[in-house]
Amino acid sequence: MDAPFHFGVSAETIDQLPLENCIGDAWVVTIKDCKEKQLITVDDLGDVVEKFSKKDSLILKTGWSDYINEPKYREALPRISEELAMWCVQHQVKMLAVEPPSVADVFDMEEVNYP
């Protein structure tokens, strides 16, 4: 779990985040046959797009955890597209959970630090 402090958004560290941020309704979206370096888009959410309520959480199940002991786990991880990131903001996604170690390419600082 990333804290706002990690990205310079605020001074809140992980131990200062309210526990209720991690509790609530969530949608689990299975993304079958997730490819290396795949950009996950709004289309990948399927019918969840129509059912989603503001402040629900979103869990993306990609199967990427199968590669946890392989270099591609960090080097070729699937990540969310800019389009999906904006959708999450617009729909006030409470929490976004993913299997890879990040929602962005950890070796592309421009992508990681996208405003």
PDB file of N, CA and C in Angstrom:
ATOM      1  N   MET A   1       0.851  -1.173   0.000  1.00  0.00           N
ATOM      2  CA  MET A   1       0.000   0.000   0.000  1.00  0.00           C
ATOM      3  C   MET A   1       0.892   1.230   0.000  1.00  0.00           C
ATOM      4  N   ASP A   2       0.614   2.147  -0.886  1.00  0.00           N
ATOM      5  CA  ASP A   2       1.384   3.388  -0.939  1.00  0.00           C
ATOM      6  C   ASP A   2       0.710   4.468  -0.104  1.00  0.00           C
ATOM      7  N   ALA A   3       1.511   5.200   0.614  1.00  0.00           N
ATOM      8  CA  ALA A   3       1.018   6.332   1.395  1.00  0.00           C
ATOM      9  C   ALA A   3       1.199   7.612   0.586  1.00  0.00           C
ATOM     10  N   PRO A   4       0.381   8.623   0.824  1.00  0.00           N
ATOM     11  CA  PRO A   4       0.544   9.898   0.109  1.00  0.00           C
ATOM     12  C   PRO A   4       1.971  10.445   0.217  1.00  0.00           C
ATOM     13  N   PHE A   5       2.617  10.218   1.350  1.00  0.00           N
ATOM     14  CA  PHE A   5       3.986  10.691   1.562  1.00  0.00           C
ATOM     15  C   PHE A   5       4.943  10.147   0.506  1.00  0.00           C
ATOM     16  N   HIS A   6       4.713   8.897   0.094  1.00  0.00           N
ATOM     17  CA  HIS A   6       5.582   8.226  -0.883  1.00  0.00           C
ATOM     18  C   HIS A   6       5.685   9.016  -2.183  1.00  0.00           C
ATOM     19  N   PHE A   7       4.610   9.667  -2.571  1.00  0.00           N
ATOM     20  CA  PHE A   7       4.597  10.406  -3.830  1.00  0.00           C
ATOM     21  C   PHE A   7       4.599  11.921  -3.639  1.00  0.00           C
ATOM     22  N   GLY A   8       4.817  12.368  -2.416  1.00  0.00           N
ATOM     23  CA  GLY A   8       4.888  13.800  -2.174  1.00  0.00           C
ATOM     24  C   GLY A   8       3.554  14.511  -2.258  1.00  0.00           C
ATOM     25  N   VAL A   9       2.452  13.753  -2.156  1.00  0.00           N
ATOM     26  CA  VAL A   9       1.114  14.339  -2.236  1.00  0.00           C
ATOM     27  C   VAL A   9       0.758  15.044  -0.934  1.00  0.00           C
ATOM     28  N   SER A  10       1.164  14.437   0.186  1.00  0.00           N
ATOM     29  CA  SER A  10       0.945  15.047   1.496  1.00  0.00           C
ATOM     30  C   SER A  10       1.983  14.457   2.458  1.00  0.00           C
ATOM     31  N   ALA A  11       1.913  14.891   3.692  1.00  0.00           N
ATOM     32  CA  ALA A  11       2.871  14.412   4.693  1.00  0.00           C
ATOM     33  C   ALA A  11       2.406  13.144   5.398  1.00  0.00           C
ATOM     34  N   GLU A  12       1.221  12.613   5.009  1.00  0.00           N
ATOM     35  CA  GLU A  12       0.692  11.422   5.667  1.00  0.00           C
ATOM     36  C   GLU A  12       1.526  10.189   5.345  1.00  0.00           C
ATOM     37  N   THR A  13       1.983   9.525   6.398  1.00  0.00           N
ATOM     38  CA  THR A  13       2.688   8.254   6.238  1.00  0.00           C
ATOM     39  C   THR A  13       1.681   7.119   6.383  1.00  0.00           C
ATOM     40  N   ILE A  14       2.097   5.909   6.075  1.00  0.00           N
ATOM     41  CA  ILE A  14       1.182   4.766   6.056  1.00  0.00           C
ATOM     42  C   ILE A  14       0.482   4.552   7.398  1.00  0.00           C
ATOM     43  N   ASP A  15       1.176   4.791   8.492  1.00  0.00           N
ATOM     44  CA  ASP A  15       0.582   4.582   9.815  1.00  0.00           C
ATOM     45  C   ASP A  15      -0.419   5.670  10.186  1.00  0.00           C
ATOM     46  N   GLN A  16      -0.477   6.739   9.398  1.00  0.00           N
ATOM     47  CA  GLN A  16      -1.404   7.831   9.683  1.00  0.00           C
ATOM     48  C   GLN A  16      -2.689   7.757   8.857  1.00  0.00           C
ATOM     49  N   LEU A  17      -2.746   6.843   7.913  1.00  0.00           N
ATOM     50  CA  LEU A  17      -3.941   6.704   7.086  1.00  0.00           C
ATOM     51  C   LEU A  17      -5.062   6.053   7.888  1.00  0.00           C
ATOM     52  N   PRO A  18      -6.266   6.596   7.793  1.00  0.00           N
ATOM     53  CA  PRO A  18      -7.391   6.000   8.522  1.00  0.00           C
ATOM     54  C   PRO A  18      -7.702   4.593   7.998  1.00  0.00           C
ATOM     55  N   LEU A  19      -7.942   3.659   8.895  1.00  0.00           N
ATOM     56  CA  LEU A  19      -8.234   2.285   8.514  1.00  0.00           C
ATOM     57  C   LEU A  19      -9.492   2.190   7.646  1.00  0.00           C
ATOM     58  N   GLU A  20     -10.441   3.088   7.841  1.00  0.00           N
ATOM     59  CA  GLU A  20     -11.673   3.040   7.041  1.00  0.00           C
ATOM     60  C   GLU A  20     -11.404   3.269   5.551  1.00  0.00           C
ATOM     61  N   ASN A  21     -10.219   3.788   5.205  1.00  0.00           N
ATOM     62  CA  ASN A  21      -9.847   3.919   3.791  1.00  0.00           C
ATOM     63  C   ASN A  21      -9.740   2.549   3.119  1.00  0.00           C
ATOM     64  N   CYS A  22      -9.580   1.510   3.903  1.00  0.00           N
ATOM     65  CA  CYS A  22      -9.380   0.159   3.373  1.00  0.00           C
ATOM     66  C   CYS A  22     -10.624  -0.712   3.495  1.00  0.00           C
ATOM     67  N   ILE A  23     -11.734  -0.127   3.888  1.00  0.00           N
ATOM     68  CA  ILE A  23     -12.956  -0.892   4.122  1.00  0.00           C
ATOM     69  C   ILE A  23     -14.072  -0.336   3.241  1.00  0.00           C
ATOM     70  N   GLY A  24     -14.866  -1.227   2.663  1.00  0.00           N
ATOM     71  CA  GLY A  24     -16.008  -0.798   1.863  1.00  0.00           C
ATOM     72  C   GLY A  24     -16.265  -1.730   0.698  1.00  0.00           C
ATOM     73  N   ASP A  25     -17.224  -1.340  -0.117  1.00  0.00           N
ATOM     74  CA  ASP A  25     -17.583  -2.136  -1.285  1.00  0.00           C
ATOM     75  C   ASP A  25     -16.476  -2.090  -2.321  1.00  0.00           C
ATOM     76  N   ALA A  26     -16.248  -3.238  -2.957  1.00  0.00           N
ATOM     77  CA  ALA A  26     -15.193  -3.321  -3.969  1.00  0.00           C
ATOM     78  C   ALA A  26     -15.645  -4.211  -5.120  1.00  0.00           C
ATOM     79  N   TRP A  27     -15.157  -3.874  -6.288  1.00  0.00           N
ATOM     80  CA  TRP A  27     -15.392  -4.661  -7.492  1.00  0.00           C
ATOM     81  C   TRP A  27     -14.091  -5.369  -7.843  1.00  0.00           C
ATOM     82  N   VAL A  28     -14.167  -6.679  -8.051  1.00  0.00           N
ATOM     83  CA  VAL A  28     -13.012  -7.454  -8.501  1.00  0.00           C
ATOM     84  C   VAL A  28     -13.173  -7.651 -10.001  1.00  0.00           C
ATOM     85  N   VAL A  29     -12.192  -7.179 -10.759  1.00  0.00           N
ATOM     86  CA  VAL A  29     -12.221  -7.303 -12.209  1.00  0.00           C
ATOM     87  C   VAL A  29     -11.093  -8.242 -12.624  1.00  0.00           C
ATOM     88  N   THR A  30     -11.445  -9.364 -13.216  1.00  0.00           N
ATOM     89  CA  THR A  30     -10.451 -10.309 -13.707  1.00  0.00           C
ATOM     90  C   THR A  30     -10.083  -9.933 -15.137  1.00  0.00           C
ATOM     91  N   ILE A  31      -8.809  -9.702 -15.348  1.00  0.00           N
ATOM     92  CA  ILE A  31      -8.305  -9.363 -16.683  1.00  0.00           C
ATOM     93  C   ILE A  31      -7.566 -10.596 -17.180  1.00  0.00           C
ATOM     94  N   LYS A  32      -8.235 -11.351 -18.037  1.00  0.00           N
ATOM     95  CA  LYS A  32      -7.682 -12.622 -18.517  1.00  0.00           C
ATOM     96  C   LYS A  32      -6.556 -12.388 -19.508  1.00  0.00           C
ATOM     97  N   ASP A  33      -5.590 -13.289 -19.482  1.00  0.00           N
ATOM     98  CA  ASP A  33      -4.472 -13.268 -20.431  1.00  0.00           C
ATOM     99  C   ASP A  33      -3.753 -11.923 -20.443  1.00  0.00           C
ATOM    100  N   CYS A  34      -3.526 -11.377 -19.274  1.00  0.00           N
ATOM    101  CA  CYS A  34      -2.839 -10.091 -19.167  1.00  0.00           C
ATOM    102  C   CYS A  34      -1.426 -10.219 -19.742  1.00  0.00           C
ATOM    103  N   LYS A  35      -1.082  -9.325 -20.630  1.00  0.00           N
ATOM    104  CA  LYS A  35       0.199  -9.373 -21.342  1.00  0.00           C
ATOM    105  C   LYS A  35       1.261  -8.538 -20.635  1.00  0.00           C
ATOM    106  N   GLU A  36       2.520  -8.819 -20.981  1.00  0.00           N
ATOM    107  CA  GLU A  36       3.624  -8.017 -20.474  1.00  0.00           C
ATOM    108  C   GLU A  36       3.448  -6.571 -20.920  1.00  0.00           C
ATOM    109  N   LYS A  37       3.655  -5.653 -19.986  1.00  0.00           N
ATOM    110  CA  LYS A  37       3.579  -4.208 -20.218  1.00  0.00           C
ATOM    111  C   LYS A  37       2.225  -3.728 -20.747  1.00  0.00           C
ATOM    112  N   GLN A  38       1.201  -4.540 -20.553  1.00  0.00           N
ATOM    113  CA  GLN A  38      -0.137  -4.169 -21.013  1.00  0.00           C
ATOM    114  C   GLN A  38      -0.630  -2.929 -20.281  1.00  0.00           C
ATOM    115  N   LEU A  39      -1.239  -2.019 -21.016  1.00  0.00           N
ATOM    116  CA  LEU A  39      -1.914  -0.871 -20.422  1.00  0.00           C
ATOM    117  C   LEU A  39      -3.365  -1.268 -20.189  1.00  0.00           C
ATOM    118  N   ILE A  40      -3.777  -1.291 -18.948  1.00  0.00           N
ATOM    119  CA  ILE A  40      -5.145  -1.659 -18.597  1.00  0.00           C
ATOM    120  C   ILE A  40      -6.027  -0.438 -18.799  1.00  0.00           C
ATOM    121  N   THR A  41      -7.101  -0.605 -19.550  1.00  0.00           N
ATOM    122  CA  THR A  41      -7.963   0.507 -19.926  1.00  0.00           C
ATOM    123  C   THR A  41      -9.343   0.390 -19.287  1.00  0.00           C
ATOM    124  N   VAL A  42     -10.150   1.397 -19.474  1.00  0.00           N
ATOM    125  CA  VAL A  42     -11.529   1.385 -18.987  1.00  0.00           C
ATOM    126  C   VAL A  42     -12.288   0.223 -19.627  1.00  0.00           C
ATOM    127  N   ASP A  43     -12.027  -0.063 -20.895  1.00  0.00           N
ATOM    128  CA  ASP A  43     -12.693  -1.184 -21.575  1.00  0.00           C
ATOM    129  C   ASP A  43     -12.456  -2.500 -20.850  1.00  0.00           C
ATOM    130  N   ASP A  44     -11.292  -2.660 -20.227  1.00  0.00           N
ATOM    131  CA  ASP A  44     -10.976  -3.893 -19.506  1.00  0.00           C
ATOM    132  C   ASP A  44     -11.868  -4.090 -18.279  1.00  0.00           C
ATOM    133  N   LEU A  45     -12.526  -3.047 -17.821  1.00  0.00           N
ATOM    134  CA  LEU A  45     -13.406  -3.147 -16.651  1.00  0.00           C
ATOM    135  C   LEU A  45     -14.732  -3.812 -16.981  1.00  0.00           C
ATOM    136  N   GLY A  46     -15.047  -3.904 -18.269  1.00  0.00           N
ATOM    137  CA  GLY A  46     -16.297  -4.547 -18.694  1.00  0.00           C
ATOM    138  C   GLY A  46     -17.517  -3.871 -18.112  1.00  0.00           C
ATOM    139  N   ASP A  47     -18.481  -4.695 -17.668  1.00  0.00           N
ATOM    140  CA  ASP A  47     -19.751  -4.144 -17.179  1.00  0.00           C
ATOM    141  C   ASP A  47     -19.637  -3.476 -15.813  1.00  0.00           C
ATOM    142  N   VAL A  48     -18.486  -3.568 -15.169  1.00  0.00           N
ATOM    143  CA  VAL A  48     -18.276  -2.869 -13.891  1.00  0.00           C
ATOM    144  C   VAL A  48     -18.417  -1.365 -14.093  1.00  0.00           C
ATOM    145  N   VAL A  49     -18.063  -0.879 -15.273  1.00  0.00           N
ATOM    146  CA  VAL A  49     -18.170   0.556 -15.566  1.00  0.00           C
ATOM    147  C   VAL A  49     -19.596   1.048 -15.315  1.00  0.00           C
ATOM    148  N   GLU A  50     -20.575   0.245 -15.721  1.00  0.00           N
ATOM    149  CA  GLU A  50     -21.983   0.645 -15.562  1.00  0.00           C
ATOM    150  C   GLU A  50     -22.486   0.475 -14.128  1.00  0.00           C
ATOM    151  N   LYS A  51     -21.916  -0.463 -13.397  1.00  0.00           N
ATOM    152  CA  LYS A  51     -22.389  -0.785 -12.049  1.00  0.00           C
ATOM    153  C   LYS A  51     -21.657  -0.014 -10.950  1.00  0.00           C
ATOM    154  N   PHE A  52     -20.517   0.549 -11.267  1.00  0.00           N
ATOM    155  CA  PHE A  52     -19.650   1.177 -10.274  1.00  0.00           C
ATOM    156  C   PHE A  52     -20.336   2.386  -9.642  1.00  0.00           C
ATOM    157  N   SER A  53     -20.222   2.489  -8.324  1.00  0.00           N
ATOM    158  CA  SER A  53     -20.735   3.642  -7.588  1.00  0.00           C
ATOM    159  C   SER A  53     -19.556   4.431  -7.037  1.00  0.00           C
ATOM    160  N   LYS A  54     -19.702   5.739  -7.000  1.00  0.00           N
ATOM    161  CA  LYS A  54     -18.630   6.574  -6.457  1.00  0.00           C
ATOM    162  C   LYS A  54     -18.226   6.078  -5.078  1.00  0.00           C
ATOM    163  N   LYS A  55     -16.924   6.080  -4.865  1.00  0.00           N
ATOM    164  CA  LYS A  55     -16.287   5.675  -3.613  1.00  0.00           C
ATOM    165  C   LYS A  55     -16.275   4.167  -3.385  1.00  0.00           C
ATOM    166  N   ASP A  56     -16.640   3.380  -4.409  1.00  0.00           N
ATOM    167  CA  ASP A  56     -16.373   1.945  -4.353  1.00  0.00           C
ATOM    168  C   ASP A  56     -14.879   1.767  -4.592  1.00  0.00           C
ATOM    169  N   SER A  57     -14.372   0.590  -4.268  1.00  0.00           N
ATOM    170  CA  SER A  57     -12.983   0.264  -4.563  1.00  0.00           C
ATOM    171  C   SER A  57     -12.922  -0.641  -5.777  1.00  0.00           C
ATOM    172  N   LEU A  58     -11.748  -0.737  -6.361  1.00  0.00           N
ATOM    173  CA  LEU A  58     -11.543  -1.506  -7.580  1.00  0.00           C
ATOM    174  C   LEU A  58     -10.321  -2.396  -7.382  1.00  0.00           C
ATOM    175  N   ILE A  59     -10.502  -3.686  -7.586  1.00  0.00           N
ATOM    176  CA  ILE A  59      -9.425  -4.657  -7.460  1.00  0.00           C
ATOM    177  C   ILE A  59      -9.200  -5.285  -8.828  1.00  0.00           C
ATOM    178  N   LEU A  60      -8.004  -5.110  -9.376  1.00  0.00           N
ATOM    179  CA  LEU A  60      -7.688  -5.643 -10.697  1.00  0.00           C
ATOM    180  C   LEU A  60      -6.920  -6.955 -10.533  1.00  0.00           C
ATOM    181  N   LYS A  61      -7.547  -8.042 -10.926  1.00  0.00           N
ATOM    182  CA  LYS A  61      -6.950  -9.378 -10.810  1.00  0.00           C
ATOM    183  C   LYS A  61      -6.381  -9.754 -12.176  1.00  0.00           C
ATOM    184  N   THR A  62      -5.074  -9.681 -12.292  1.00  0.00           N
ATOM    185  CA  THR A  62      -4.407  -9.898 -13.576  1.00  0.00           C
ATOM    186  C   THR A  62      -3.686 -11.243 -13.672  1.00  0.00           C
ATOM    187  N   GLY A  63      -3.500 -11.910 -12.551  1.00  0.00           N
ATOM    188  CA  GLY A  63      -2.710 -13.132 -12.537  1.00  0.00           C
ATOM    189  C   GLY A  63      -1.216 -12.851 -12.510  1.00  0.00           C
ATOM    190  N   TRP A  64      -0.852 -11.563 -12.419  1.00  0.00           N
ATOM    191  CA  TRP A  64       0.563 -11.192 -12.475  1.00  0.00           C
ATOM    192  C   TRP A  64       1.354 -11.710 -11.281  1.00  0.00           C
ATOM    193  N   SER A  65       0.684 -12.004 -10.193  1.00  0.00           N
ATOM    194  CA  SER A  65       1.389 -12.527  -9.022  1.00  0.00           C
ATOM    195  C   SER A  65       2.020 -13.897  -9.303  1.00  0.00           C
ATOM    196  N   ASP A  66       1.612 -14.555 -10.386  1.00  0.00           N
ATOM    197  CA  ASP A  66       2.249 -15.822 -10.781  1.00  0.00           C
ATOM    198  C   ASP A  66       3.730 -15.633 -11.099  1.00  0.00           C
ATOM    199  N   TYR A  67       4.133 -14.400 -11.406  1.00  0.00           N
ATOM    200  CA  TYR A  67       5.509 -14.115 -11.834  1.00  0.00           C
ATOM    201  C   TYR A  67       6.356 -13.486 -10.734  1.00  0.00           C
ATOM    202  N   ILE A  68       5.908 -13.563  -9.494  1.00  0.00           N
ATOM    203  CA  ILE A  68       6.566 -12.843  -8.405  1.00  0.00           C
ATOM    204  C   ILE A  68       8.056 -13.177  -8.268  1.00  0.00           C
ATOM    205  N   ASN A  69       8.462 -14.368  -8.626  1.00  0.00           N
ATOM    206  CA  ASN A  69       9.871 -14.754  -8.499  1.00  0.00           C
ATOM    207  C   ASN A  69      10.641 -14.632  -9.807  1.00  0.00           C
ATOM    208  N   GLU A  70      10.052 -13.962 -10.782  1.00  0.00           N
ATOM    209  CA  GLU A  70      10.703 -13.788 -12.083  1.00  0.00           C
ATOM    210  C   GLU A  70      11.007 -12.304 -12.301  1.00  0.00           C
ATOM    211  N   PRO A  71      12.066 -11.997 -13.053  1.00  0.00           N
ATOM    212  CA  PRO A  71      12.402 -10.587 -13.325  1.00  0.00           C
ATOM    213  C   PRO A  71      11.253  -9.802 -13.954  1.00  0.00           C
ATOM    214  N   LYS A  72      10.432 -10.459 -14.779  1.00  0.00           N
ATOM    215  CA  LYS A  72       9.365  -9.710 -15.450  1.00  0.00           C
ATOM    216  C   LYS A  72       8.296  -9.205 -14.484  1.00  0.00           C
ATOM    217  N   TYR A  73       8.275  -9.740 -13.257  1.00  0.00           N
ATOM    218  CA  TYR A  73       7.303  -9.256 -12.269  1.00  0.00           C
ATOM    219  C   TYR A  73       7.435  -7.740 -12.093  1.00  0.00           C
ATOM    220  N   ARG A  74       8.668  -7.240 -12.073  1.00  0.00           N
ATOM    221  CA  ARG A  74       8.917  -5.798 -11.956  1.00  0.00           C
ATOM    222  C   ARG A  74       9.227  -5.151 -13.300  1.00  0.00           C
ATOM    223  N   GLU A  75       9.848  -5.899 -14.193  1.00  0.00           N
ATOM    224  CA  GLU A  75      10.346  -5.311 -15.442  1.00  0.00           C
ATOM    225  C   GLU A  75       9.294  -5.198 -16.544  1.00  0.00           C
ATOM    226  N   ALA A  76       8.258  -6.016 -16.497  1.00  0.00           N
ATOM    227  CA  ALA A  76       7.286  -6.015 -17.591  1.00  0.00           C
ATOM    228  C   ALA A  76       5.849  -5.993 -17.078  1.00  0.00           C
ATOM    229  N   LEU A  77       5.652  -5.402 -15.919  1.00  0.00           N
ATOM    230  CA  LEU A  77       4.339  -5.441 -15.291  1.00  0.00           C
ATOM    231  C   LEU A  77       3.265  -4.720 -16.096  1.00  0.00           C
ATOM    232  N   PRO A  78       2.047  -5.264 -16.053  1.00  0.00           N
ATOM    233  CA  PRO A  78       0.925  -4.521 -16.638  1.00  0.00           C
ATOM    234  C   PRO A  78       0.641  -3.330 -15.738  1.00  0.00           C
ATOM    235  N   ARG A  79       0.097  -2.277 -16.310  1.00  0.00           N
ATOM    236  CA  ARG A  79      -0.164  -1.086 -15.504  1.00  0.00           C
ATOM    237  C   ARG A  79      -1.409  -0.384 -16.013  1.00  0.00           C
ATOM    238  N   ILE A  80      -1.894   0.551 -15.247  1.00  0.00           N
ATOM    239  CA  ILE A  80      -3.114   1.239 -15.663  1.00  0.00           C
ATOM    240  C   ILE A  80      -2.760   2.333 -16.667  1.00  0.00           C
ATOM    241  N   SER A  81      -3.654   2.514 -17.613  1.00  0.00           N
ATOM    242  CA  SER A  81      -3.480   3.558 -18.620  1.00  0.00           C
ATOM    243  C   SER A  81      -3.828   4.917 -18.016  1.00  0.00           C
ATOM    244  N   GLU A  82      -3.393   5.960 -18.679  1.00  0.00           N
ATOM    245  CA  GLU A  82      -3.762   7.315 -18.246  1.00  0.00           C
ATOM    246  C   GLU A  82      -5.283   7.461 -18.271  1.00  0.00           C
ATOM    247  N   GLU A  83      -5.918   6.885 -19.280  1.00  0.00           N
ATOM    248  CA  GLU A  83      -7.382   6.938 -19.402  1.00  0.00           C
ATOM    249  C   GLU A  83      -8.044   6.319 -18.167  1.00  0.00           C
ATOM    250  N   LEU A  84      -7.554   5.152 -17.734  1.00  0.00           N
ATOM    251  CA  LEU A  84      -8.127   4.495 -16.567  1.00  0.00           C
ATOM    252  C   LEU A  84      -7.832   5.288 -15.294  1.00  0.00           C
ATOM    253  N   ALA A  85      -6.650   5.863 -15.202  1.00  0.00           N
ATOM    254  CA  ALA A  85      -6.320   6.695 -14.041  1.00  0.00           C
ATOM    255  C   ALA A  85      -7.296   7.864 -13.927  1.00  0.00           C
ATOM    256  N   MET A  86      -7.588   8.498 -15.051  1.00  0.00           N
ATOM    257  CA  MET A  86      -8.520   9.629 -15.041  1.00  0.00           C
ATOM    258  C   MET A  86      -9.938   9.159 -14.692  1.00  0.00           C
ATOM    259  N   TRP A  87     -10.325   7.995 -15.202  1.00  0.00           N
ATOM    260  CA  TRP A  87     -11.634   7.427 -14.879  1.00  0.00           C
ATOM    261  C   TRP A  87     -11.735   7.206 -13.370  1.00  0.00           C
ATOM    262  N   CYS A  88     -10.668   6.685 -12.771  1.00  0.00           N
ATOM    263  CA  CYS A  88     -10.655   6.450 -11.325  1.00  0.00           C
ATOM    264  C   CYS A  88     -10.844   7.753 -10.542  1.00  0.00           C
ATOM    265  N   VAL A  89     -10.198   8.801 -10.984  1.00  0.00           N
ATOM    266  CA  VAL A  89     -10.345  10.103 -10.334  1.00  0.00           C
ATOM    267  C   VAL A  89     -11.773  10.611 -10.502  1.00  0.00           C
ATOM    268  N   GLN A  90     -12.288  10.564 -11.724  1.00  0.00           N
ATOM    269  CA  GLN A  90     -13.641  11.055 -12.007  1.00  0.00           C
ATOM    270  C   GLN A  90     -14.713  10.289 -11.234  1.00  0.00           C
ATOM    271  N   HIS A  91     -14.490   9.011 -10.997  1.00  0.00           N
ATOM    272  CA  HIS A  91     -15.470   8.180 -10.305  1.00  0.00           C
ATOM    273  C   HIS A  91     -15.148   7.995  -8.826  1.00  0.00           C
ATOM    274  N   GLN A  92     -14.202   8.775  -8.351  1.00  0.00           N
ATOM    275  CA  GLN A  92     -13.839   8.802  -6.933  1.00  0.00           C
ATOM    276  C   GLN A  92     -13.589   7.397  -6.378  1.00  0.00           C
ATOM    277  N   VAL A  93     -12.773   6.628  -7.116  1.00  0.00           N
ATOM    278  CA  VAL A  93     -12.409   5.287  -6.662  1.00  0.00           C
ATOM    279  C   VAL A  93     -11.736   5.422  -5.300  1.00  0.00           C
ATOM    280  N   LYS A  94     -12.264   4.727  -4.315  1.00  0.00           N
ATOM    281  CA  LYS A  94     -11.756   4.835  -2.954  1.00  0.00           C
ATOM    282  C   LYS A  94     -10.370   4.209  -2.839  1.00  0.00           C
ATOM    283  N   MET A  95     -10.220   3.012  -3.404  1.00  0.00           N
ATOM    284  CA  MET A  95      -8.947   2.313  -3.337  1.00  0.00           C
ATOM    285  C   MET A  95      -8.802   1.494  -4.615  1.00  0.00           C
ATOM    286  N   LEU A  96      -7.618   1.525  -5.183  1.00  0.00           N
ATOM    287  CA  LEU A  96      -7.299   0.728  -6.357  1.00  0.00           C
ATOM    288  C   LEU A  96      -6.257  -0.300  -5.947  1.00  0.00           C
ATOM    289  N   ALA A  97      -6.590  -1.576  -6.099  1.00  0.00           N
ATOM    290  CA  ALA A  97      -5.668  -2.651  -5.730  1.00  0.00           C
ATOM    291  C   ALA A  97      -5.238  -3.402  -6.979  1.00  0.00           C
ATOM    292  N   VAL A  98      -3.950  -3.698  -7.059  1.00  0.00           N
ATOM    293  CA  VAL A  98      -3.391  -4.428  -8.196  1.00  0.00           C
ATOM    294  C   VAL A  98      -2.427  -5.491  -7.680  1.00  0.00           C
ATOM    295  N   GLU A  99      -2.167  -6.515  -8.489  1.00  0.00           N
ATOM    296  CA  GLU A  99      -1.213  -7.565  -8.111  1.00  0.00           C
ATOM    297  C   GLU A  99       0.237  -7.163  -8.340  1.00  0.00           C
ATOM    298  N   PRO A 100       0.548  -6.449  -9.426  1.00  0.00           N
ATOM    299  CA  PRO A 100       1.942  -6.041  -9.633  1.00  0.00           C
ATOM    300  C   PRO A 100       2.389  -5.075  -8.534  1.00  0.00           C
ATOM    301  N   PRO A 101       3.689  -4.799  -8.461  1.00  0.00           N
ATOM    302  CA  PRO A 101       4.194  -3.927  -7.402  1.00  0.00           C
ATOM    303  C   PRO A 101       3.860  -2.448  -7.594  1.00  0.00           C
ATOM    304  N   SER A 102       3.220  -2.102  -8.690  1.00  0.00           N
ATOM    305  CA  SER A 102       2.897  -0.701  -8.943  1.00  0.00           C
ATOM    306  C   SER A 102       1.782  -0.609  -9.984  1.00  0.00           C
ATOM    307  N   VAL A 103       1.185   0.570 -10.101  1.00  0.00           N
ATOM    308  CA  VAL A 103       0.208   0.819 -11.165  1.00  0.00           C
ATOM    309  C   VAL A 103       0.883   1.463 -12.375  1.00  0.00           C
ATOM    310  N   ALA A 104       2.192   1.742 -12.247  1.00  0.00           N
ATOM    311  CA  ALA A 104       2.970   2.381 -13.313  1.00  0.00           C
ATOM    312  C   ALA A 104       4.264   1.605 -13.524  1.00  0.00           C
ATOM    313  N   ASP A 105       4.909   1.856 -14.646  1.00  0.00           N
ATOM    314  CA  ASP A 105       6.191   1.230 -14.956  1.00  0.00           C
ATOM    315  C   ASP A 105       7.234   1.783 -13.990  1.00  0.00           C
ATOM    316  N   VAL A 106       7.729   0.934 -13.091  1.00  0.00           N
ATOM    317  CA  VAL A 106       8.653   1.389 -12.053  1.00  0.00           C
ATOM    318  C   VAL A 106      10.011   1.822 -12.607  1.00  0.00           C
ATOM    319  N   PHE A 107      10.278   1.531 -13.880  1.00  0.00           N
ATOM    320  CA  PHE A 107      11.536   1.933 -14.507  1.00  0.00           C
ATOM    321  C   PHE A 107      11.369   3.152 -15.409  1.00  0.00           C
ATOM    322  N   ASP A 108      10.169   3.725 -15.451  1.00  0.00           N
ATOM    323  CA  ASP A 108       9.882   4.904 -16.273  1.00  0.00           C
ATOM    324  C   ASP A 108       9.415   6.019 -15.334  1.00  0.00           C
ATOM    325  N   MET A 109      10.347   6.822 -14.865  1.00  0.00           N
ATOM    326  CA  MET A 109      10.017   7.845 -13.866  1.00  0.00           C
ATOM    327  C   MET A 109       9.019   8.873 -14.392  1.00  0.00           C
ATOM    328  N   GLU A 110       8.999   9.101 -15.683  1.00  0.00           N
ATOM    329  CA  GLU A 110       8.001  10.015 -16.248  1.00  0.00           C
ATOM    330  C   GLU A 110       6.602   9.451 -16.048  1.00  0.00           C
ATOM    331  N   GLU A 111       6.464   8.151 -16.244  1.00  0.00           N
ATOM    332  CA  GLU A 111       5.164   7.521 -16.047  1.00  0.00           C
ATOM    333  C   GLU A 111       4.803   7.477 -14.560  1.00  0.00           C
ATOM    334  N   VAL A 112       5.765   7.144 -13.717  1.00  0.00           N
ATOM    335  CA  VAL A 112       5.525   7.064 -12.274  1.00  0.00           C
ATOM    336  C   VAL A 112       5.118   8.426 -11.712  1.00  0.00           C
ATOM    337  N   ASN A 113       5.726   9.472 -12.209  1.00  0.00           N
ATOM    338  CA  ASN A 113       5.476  10.820 -11.689  1.00  0.00           C
ATOM    339  C   ASN A 113       4.470  11.602 -12.507  1.00  0.00           C
ATOM    340  N   TYR A 114       3.621  10.921 -13.242  1.00  0.00           N
ATOM    341  CA  TYR A 114       2.616  11.618 -14.045  1.00  0.00           C
ATOM    342  C   TYR A 114       1.775  12.502 -13.137  1.00  0.00           C
ATOM    343  N   PRO A 115       1.615  13.756 -13.529  1.00  0.00           N
ATOM    344  CA  PRO A 115       0.868  14.681 -12.661  1.00  0.00           C
ATOM    345  C   PRO A 115      -0.505  14.240 -12.472  1.00  0.00           C
TER     346      PRO A 115
END
